[in-house]
Protein backbone atom coordinates (compact mmCIF):
# COMPACT_ATOMS: atom_id res chain seq x y z
CA MET A 1 0.00 0.00 0.00
CA LYS A 2 1.22 3.49 -0.84
CA ASN A 3 1.73 6.29 1.64
CA CYS A 4 1.78 3.94 4.63
CA THR A 5 3.87 4.98 7.60
CA LYS A 6 4.93 3.09 10.66
CA ALA A 7 3.20 4.17 13.87
CA TRP A 8 2.72 3.06 17.44
CA TYR A 9 -0.81 2.32 18.51
CA GLY A 10 -1.96 3.30 21.97
CA THR A 11 -5.24 3.86 23.77
CA ARG A 12 -4.00 7.01 25.56
CA ASN A 13 -5.24 5.46 28.77
CA PRO A 14 -2.98 6.73 31.57
CA PHE A 15 -3.31 3.42 33.41
CA SER A 16 -1.39 0.28 32.53
CA TRP A 17 -1.09 -3.25 33.85
CA ASP A 18 1.81 -3.68 36.24
CA ASN A 19 2.51 -7.33 36.97
CA ALA A 20 4.60 -6.39 40.02
CA HIS A 21 1.68 -4.59 41.68
CA GLN A 22 -1.37 -6.46 40.42
CA PRO A 23 -4.14 -7.47 42.81
CA ALA A 24 -5.82 -10.87 43.00
CA TRP A 25 -8.14 -9.83 40.23
CA SER A 26 -11.79 -10.83 40.85
CA TYR A 27 -10.82 -14.02 42.67
CA VAL A 28 -12.75 -13.39 45.88
CA ALA A 29 -15.53 -11.52 44.07
CA TYR A 30 -16.16 -14.47 41.75
CA MET A 31 -15.82 -16.97 44.58
CA VAL A 32 -18.57 -15.36 46.66
CA THR A 33 -20.93 -14.30 43.86
CA GLY A 34 -20.45 -16.72 40.96
CA ASP A 35 -21.14 -13.74 38.74
CA TYR A 36 -20.32 -14.10 35.03
CA TYR A 37 -18.67 -10.68 34.93
CA TYR A 38 -16.19 -11.59 37.68
CA MET A 39 -15.53 -14.94 36.01
CA SER A 40 -14.60 -13.08 32.83
CA GLU A 41 -12.37 -10.65 34.71
CA LEU A 42 -10.60 -13.53 36.45
CA ALA A 43 -9.93 -15.19 33.10
CA PHE A 44 -8.85 -11.89 31.57
CA SER A 45 -6.20 -11.23 34.21
CA ALA A 46 -4.83 -14.75 33.83
CA SER A 47 -4.77 -14.42 30.05
CA TYR A 48 -3.02 -11.08 30.18
CA ASN A 49 -0.39 -12.43 32.56
CA ASN A 50 0.15 -15.38 30.25
CA LEU A 51 0.58 -13.23 27.15
CA TRP A 52 2.31 -10.24 28.74
CA SER A 53 5.85 -11.38 28.07
CA ASN A 54 7.79 -12.14 24.92
CA GLU A 55 6.82 -15.56 23.62
CA SER A 56 10.38 -16.87 23.52
CA TYR A 57 10.94 -15.88 27.17
CA ARG A 58 7.89 -17.83 28.31
CA GLY A 59 8.90 -20.90 26.35
CA PHE A 60 6.12 -20.36 23.82
CA SER A 61 3.24 -22.71 24.69
CA LYS A 62 4.81 -23.66 28.05
CA GLY A 63 3.98 -20.22 29.46
CA LEU A 64 6.90 -20.28 31.90
CA ILE A 65 6.63 -17.58 34.56
CA ASP A 66 10.17 -17.52 35.92
CA PRO A 67 12.13 -16.42 32.82
CA SER A 68 9.41 -14.11 31.50
CA HIS A 69 8.59 -11.96 34.53
CA GLY A 70 11.43 -9.91 35.98
CA SER A 71 10.99 -9.16 39.68
CA MET A 72 10.23 -11.70 42.38
CA ARG A 73 6.99 -9.93 43.20
CA GLY A 74 6.06 -9.97 39.51
CA LYS A 75 6.57 -13.73 39.50
CA ALA A 76 4.69 -14.10 42.79
CA TRP A 77 1.55 -12.25 41.73
CA THR A 78 1.55 -13.71 38.21
CA LEU A 79 1.69 -17.23 39.63
CA ARG A 80 -1.04 -16.41 42.12
CA ASN A 81 -3.43 -15.04 39.49
CA LEU A 82 -2.86 -17.86 37.02
CA ALA A 83 -3.27 -20.51 39.72
CA GLU A 84 -6.43 -18.90 41.08
CA ALA A 85 -7.97 -18.87 37.60
CA ALA A 86 -6.90 -22.47 36.99
CA PHE A 87 -8.44 -23.47 40.31
CA LEU A 88 -11.70 -21.50 40.33
CA LEU A 89 -12.89 -21.26 36.74
CA PRO A 90 -15.56 -23.82 35.75
CA ASP A 91 -14.21 -27.10 34.42
CA THR A 92 -15.91 -26.39 31.09
CA TYR A 93 -14.26 -23.00 30.68
CA PRO A 94 -12.20 -23.23 27.45
CA LEU A 95 -9.01 -21.64 28.86
CA LYS A 96 -8.92 -23.59 32.13
CA PRO A 97 -6.72 -26.43 30.74
CA GLU A 98 -4.22 -23.90 29.41
CA PHE A 99 -4.00 -22.06 32.74
CA ASN A 100 -3.48 -25.36 34.55
CA SER A 101 -0.77 -26.34 32.09
CA VAL A 102 1.05 -23.02 32.54
CA VAL A 103 1.05 -23.35 36.33
CA HIS A 104 2.28 -26.96 36.24
CA ASN A 105 4.97 -26.14 33.68
CA SER A 106 6.19 -23.17 35.71
CA LEU A 107 6.33 -25.12 38.96
CA ASP A 108 8.25 -27.94 37.24
CA ASP A 109 10.66 -25.33 35.86
CA TRP A 110 11.31 -23.84 39.31
CA ASN A 111 11.76 -27.26 40.91
CA GLN A 112 14.26 -28.26 38.25
CA LYS A 113 16.26 -25.04 38.71
CA TYR A 114 16.19 -24.93 42.51
CA THR A 115 14.51 -27.67 44.53
CA ASN A 116 16.11 -30.57 42.68
CA ASN A 117 19.35 -28.79 41.87
CA PRO A 118 22.20 -29.55 44.31
CA GLU A 119 24.16 -26.64 42.80
CA ALA A 120 21.50 -24.08 43.75
CA ASN A 121 22.70 -21.44 46.19
CA PRO A 122 22.54 -22.19 49.95
CA LEU A 123 20.64 -18.99 50.79
CA ARG A 124 17.52 -20.05 48.87
CA VAL A 125 17.54 -16.96 46.68
CA THR A 126 16.38 -17.21 43.08
CA LYS A 127 18.65 -16.34 40.18
CA GLY A 128 18.11 -12.85 38.82
CA SER A 129 16.62 -11.49 42.06
CA THR A 130 19.81 -9.66 43.05
CA VAL A 131 18.77 -6.31 41.62
CA TYR A 132 20.30 -4.04 44.27
CA SER A 133 23.90 -2.83 44.31
CA LEU A 134 25.05 -2.60 47.93
CA HIS A 135 28.25 -1.69 49.78
CA GLY A 136 30.15 -0.87 46.62
CA GLY A 137 29.19 -4.07 44.82
CA LYS A 138 27.07 -4.52 41.72
CA HIS A 139 23.80 -6.44 41.62
CA ASN A 140 24.69 -8.20 44.86
CA GLY A 141 21.59 -7.48 46.95
CA VAL A 142 18.11 -8.88 47.24
CA ALA A 143 14.84 -7.59 48.72
CA PRO A 144 13.64 -9.90 51.52
CA TRP A 145 10.09 -8.53 51.23
CA GLN A 146 9.85 -9.62 47.60
CA HIS A 147 11.12 -13.05 48.58
CA ASN A 148 8.35 -13.11 51.21
CA PHE A 149 5.77 -12.48 48.49
CA LEU A 150 7.05 -15.39 46.42
CA THR A 151 7.19 -17.76 49.40
CA TRP A 152 3.61 -16.88 50.32
CA SER A 153 2.42 -17.28 46.72
CA LEU A 154 3.88 -20.78 46.54
CA GLY A 155 2.16 -21.66 49.82
CA HIS A 156 -1.15 -20.33 48.50
CA VAL A 157 -0.80 -22.23 45.23
CA ALA A 158 -0.02 -25.41 47.17
CA GLU A 159 -3.28 -24.95 49.08
CA LEU A 160 -5.13 -24.67 45.78
CA GLY A 161 -4.05 -28.23 45.02
CA PHE A 162 -0.87 -27.82 42.97
CA SER A 163 1.34 -30.35 44.72
CA GLU A 164 4.46 -29.28 42.78
CA ALA A 165 4.33 -25.98 44.69
CA VAL A 166 5.11 -27.71 48.00
CA PRO A 167 8.78 -28.58 47.42
CA PHE A 168 9.59 -25.17 45.96
CA ARG A 169 7.73 -23.45 48.80
CA ASN A 170 9.83 -25.47 51.25
CA TRP A 171 13.03 -24.58 49.39
CA LEU A 172 12.22 -20.88 49.56
CA ALA A 173 11.02 -21.07 53.18
CA LYS A 174 14.54 -21.74 54.42
CA PHE A 175 15.31 -18.11 53.63
CA GLU A 176 12.68 -16.71 56.00
CA ILE A 177 13.50 -19.35 58.61
CA GLY A 178 17.23 -18.71 58.30
CA LEU A 179 16.90 -14.95 58.75
CA MET A 180 14.82 -15.50 61.88
CA THR A 181 16.75 -18.31 63.57
CA ASP A 182 20.37 -18.26 62.37
CA TRP A 183 21.46 -16.35 65.51
CA GLN A 184 20.42 -19.30 67.69
CA ASP A 185 23.56 -21.19 66.65
CA ASP A 186 25.82 -18.23 67.47
CA LEU A 187 24.23 -15.55 69.62
CA ALA A 188 26.77 -12.83 68.77
CA HIS A 189 27.64 -13.64 65.16
CA GLY A 190 24.60 -15.33 63.60
CA TYR A 191 22.05 -13.33 61.60
CA CYS A 192 19.97 -11.43 64.16
CA TRP A 193 16.24 -11.61 63.46
CA LEU A 194 15.73 -7.88 64.11
CA GLU A 195 17.13 -7.26 60.61
CA ALA A 196 15.19 -10.06 58.90
CA SER A 197 12.80 -7.44 57.50
CA ALA A 198 15.46 -5.09 56.15
CA TYR A 199 14.59 -3.42 52.83
CA SER A 200 17.56 -4.98 51.03
CA ILE A 201 20.49 -7.19 51.99
CA GLN A 202 23.75 -8.15 50.32
CA VAL A 203 23.87 -11.84 49.40
CA LYS A 204 26.86 -11.98 47.04
CA ASP A 205 30.53 -11.11 47.52
CA ASP A 206 32.59 -8.70 45.42
CA SER A 207 33.30 -11.44 42.87
CA GLY A 208 29.61 -12.19 42.38
CA ASN A 209 29.65 -15.44 44.34
CA TRP A 210 26.83 -16.29 46.71
CA LEU A 211 27.71 -15.78 50.35
CA PRO A 212 27.93 -19.21 52.00
CA SER A 213 25.62 -18.70 55.00
CA TYR A 214 23.26 -16.31 56.75
CA THR A 215 26.03 -15.63 59.25
CA ALA A 216 28.18 -14.40 56.37
CA VAL A 217 25.27 -12.33 55.06
CA TYR A 218 24.91 -10.70 58.48
CA ALA A 219 28.60 -9.85 58.67
CA ALA A 220 28.55 -8.32 55.19
CA ASN A 221 25.55 -6.12 55.95
CA TRP A 222 25.95 -5.15 59.61
CA PRO A 223 29.63 -5.45 60.57
CA ASP A 224 29.09 -3.00 63.45
CA LEU A 225 26.64 -5.43 65.07
CA VAL A 226 28.84 -8.51 64.80
CA GLY A 227 30.03 -9.60 68.24
CA LEU A 228 26.99 -8.16 70.04
CA ALA A 229 24.46 -10.68 71.32
CA CYS A 230 21.25 -10.60 69.28
CA ASN A 231 18.60 -8.37 70.89
CA SER A 232 20.86 -7.58 73.87
CA PRO A 233 20.92 -4.07 75.42
CA GLU A 234 24.35 -3.49 73.87
CA MET A 235 23.10 -4.43 70.44
CA ILE A 236 19.92 -2.37 70.73
CA LYS A 237 22.01 0.68 71.61
CA GLU A 238 24.24 0.19 68.56
CA LEU A 239 21.25 -0.58 66.36
CA GLY A 240 19.66 2.72 67.37
CA LYS A 241 22.77 4.53 66.16
CA LEU A 242 22.63 2.74 62.81
CA ARG A 243 18.91 3.40 62.37
CA LYS A 244 19.32 6.96 63.64
CA LYS A 245 16.31 6.64 65.89
CA ARG A 246 15.44 5.33 69.30
CA THR A 247 15.07 1.54 69.08
CA GLN A 248 13.68 -0.89 71.61
CA ALA A 249 14.37 -4.57 72.18
CA GLY A 250 12.43 -6.77 69.77
CA GLU A 251 11.87 -3.99 67.23
CA MET A 252 12.27 -5.24 63.66
CA ALA A 253 13.53 -3.06 60.82
CA GLY A 254 11.34 -1.22 58.34
CA TYR A 255 8.25 0.62 59.68
CA PRO A 256 7.26 -2.09 62.18
CA TYR A 257 4.20 -0.10 63.37
CA SER A 258 2.67 -0.05 59.88
CA ALA A 259 0.28 -2.61 58.41
CA THR A 260 2.18 -2.23 55.13
CA GLY A 261 5.70 -2.00 56.58
CA PHE A 262 8.43 -4.49 55.85
CA PRO A 263 7.74 -6.64 58.96
CA ALA A 264 4.14 -6.84 57.71
CA ASN A 265 5.45 -7.95 54.32
CA PHE A 266 7.68 -10.45 56.10
CA GLN A 267 4.67 -11.86 57.94
CA ILE A 268 3.15 -13.53 54.89
CA GLY A 269 6.45 -15.19 54.03
CA VAL A 270 7.20 -16.49 57.51
CA ALA A 271 3.56 -17.62 57.88
CA ALA A 272 3.88 -19.68 54.69
CA ALA A 273 7.24 -20.97 55.92
CA ALA A 274 5.64 -22.05 59.20
CA ASP A 275 3.35 -24.38 57.26
CA SER A 276 6.31 -26.15 55.67
CA ASN A 277 8.04 -29.20 57.14
CA VAL A 278 11.35 -27.34 57.30
CA PRO A 279 13.19 -27.52 60.65
CA LYS A 280 12.69 -24.51 62.93
CA ALA A 281 9.70 -23.32 60.89
CA HIS A 282 7.45 -22.94 63.93
CA GLU A 283 10.28 -21.39 65.94
CA ALA A 284 10.67 -18.72 63.29
CA TRP A 285 6.97 -17.90 63.46
CA SER A 286 6.89 -17.80 67.27
CA LEU A 287 9.88 -15.48 67.33
CA PHE A 288 8.26 -13.22 64.75
CA GLN A 289 5.12 -13.07 66.89
CA SER A 290 7.21 -12.04 69.89
CA ARG A 291 8.36 -8.76 68.28
CA SER A 292 7.72 -5.74 70.47
CA VAL A 293 6.41 -3.31 67.85
CA LYS A 294 3.43 -4.35 65.75
CA PRO A 295 0.81 -2.54 63.64
CA LYS A 296 -1.65 -0.67 65.84
CA VAL A 297 -4.52 1.78 65.54
CA PRO A 298 -4.89 3.63 63.19
CA HIS A 299 -2.55 1.37 61.23
CA ALA A 300 -3.69 -1.95 62.62
CA TYR A 301 -4.48 -4.98 60.53
CA ASP A 302 -8.13 -4.43 61.41
CA ASN A 303 -8.11 -1.47 59.04
CA TYR A 304 -5.71 -2.92 56.47
CA PRO A 305 -5.73 -6.72 56.59
CA ASN A 306 -3.78 -7.45 53.40
CA PHE A 307 -0.80 -8.88 55.27
CA ALA A 308 -2.68 -10.26 58.28
CA VAL A 309 -1.80 -13.83 57.27
CA LEU A 310 -1.50 -16.58 59.88
CA PRO A 311 -0.11 -20.10 59.38
CA ARG A 312 -2.71 -22.85 59.40
CA SER A 313 -0.43 -25.22 61.28
CA VAL A 314 0.13 -22.97 64.32
CA ARG A 315 -2.56 -22.23 66.85
CA PRO A 316 -2.86 -18.58 67.99
């Protein structure tokens, strides 16, 4: 055709789909109403997640989530929405088999890369999640709160009946458990749980190698705290200097009074970890529950319950 020019088509809508911040689209609404509109919205969100990425990244018809969605939270929420659609849509819905296949394929992919891989890193951190550059290094840090999202998502998907989610959930759970309980093996040098909810932590050395243990992670991130007993008066005093604010014993890092703070984010991960069969899982949860500063009015979970997740295997 003559006089044709290349152009970019857009709707001029100021809003766009963000896989890293997407809600559980219509899942609860469809569950409690059975309404056709919510069923369609549930299927739409799953379809969009499935087609969002480049086809070669997702393994074409396999629909793999891990290589096609960048951030851990993007992977977490994409998996959640696809699994919820696969679980809740009617058996006769034409796209249900595809959604189920995508979830199974993605879980098998993760298990091959991590759960069943003896060469996978000892910290239980996924490849490509080290997006922060810390302490003079490059791409050597990870966000614990995003890891928490992924751990919870795997636990949720396991509860929806996808058995392949269980081993990967358990593999990931050792991260939350390790950050909470590592100090128990060495009171003054192990990773102190007060920093388990830090915004970002270094997990690789200057050469790009994974640090060998949570104790090594702690030393790399908080050298000024090494040698001080976890949660001791001496440590709390030094921690207050580092945080540049008055700190009390049992106070975790990252807006601990907020229902959307980093300890709140950590809650869903450690709750999912508590339901695993990993050693010290319940200890990690009990220790988390013992923290001195928790969300309270007007920021209590009663007013913002998104992260008010409790493990099913632990009685209140």
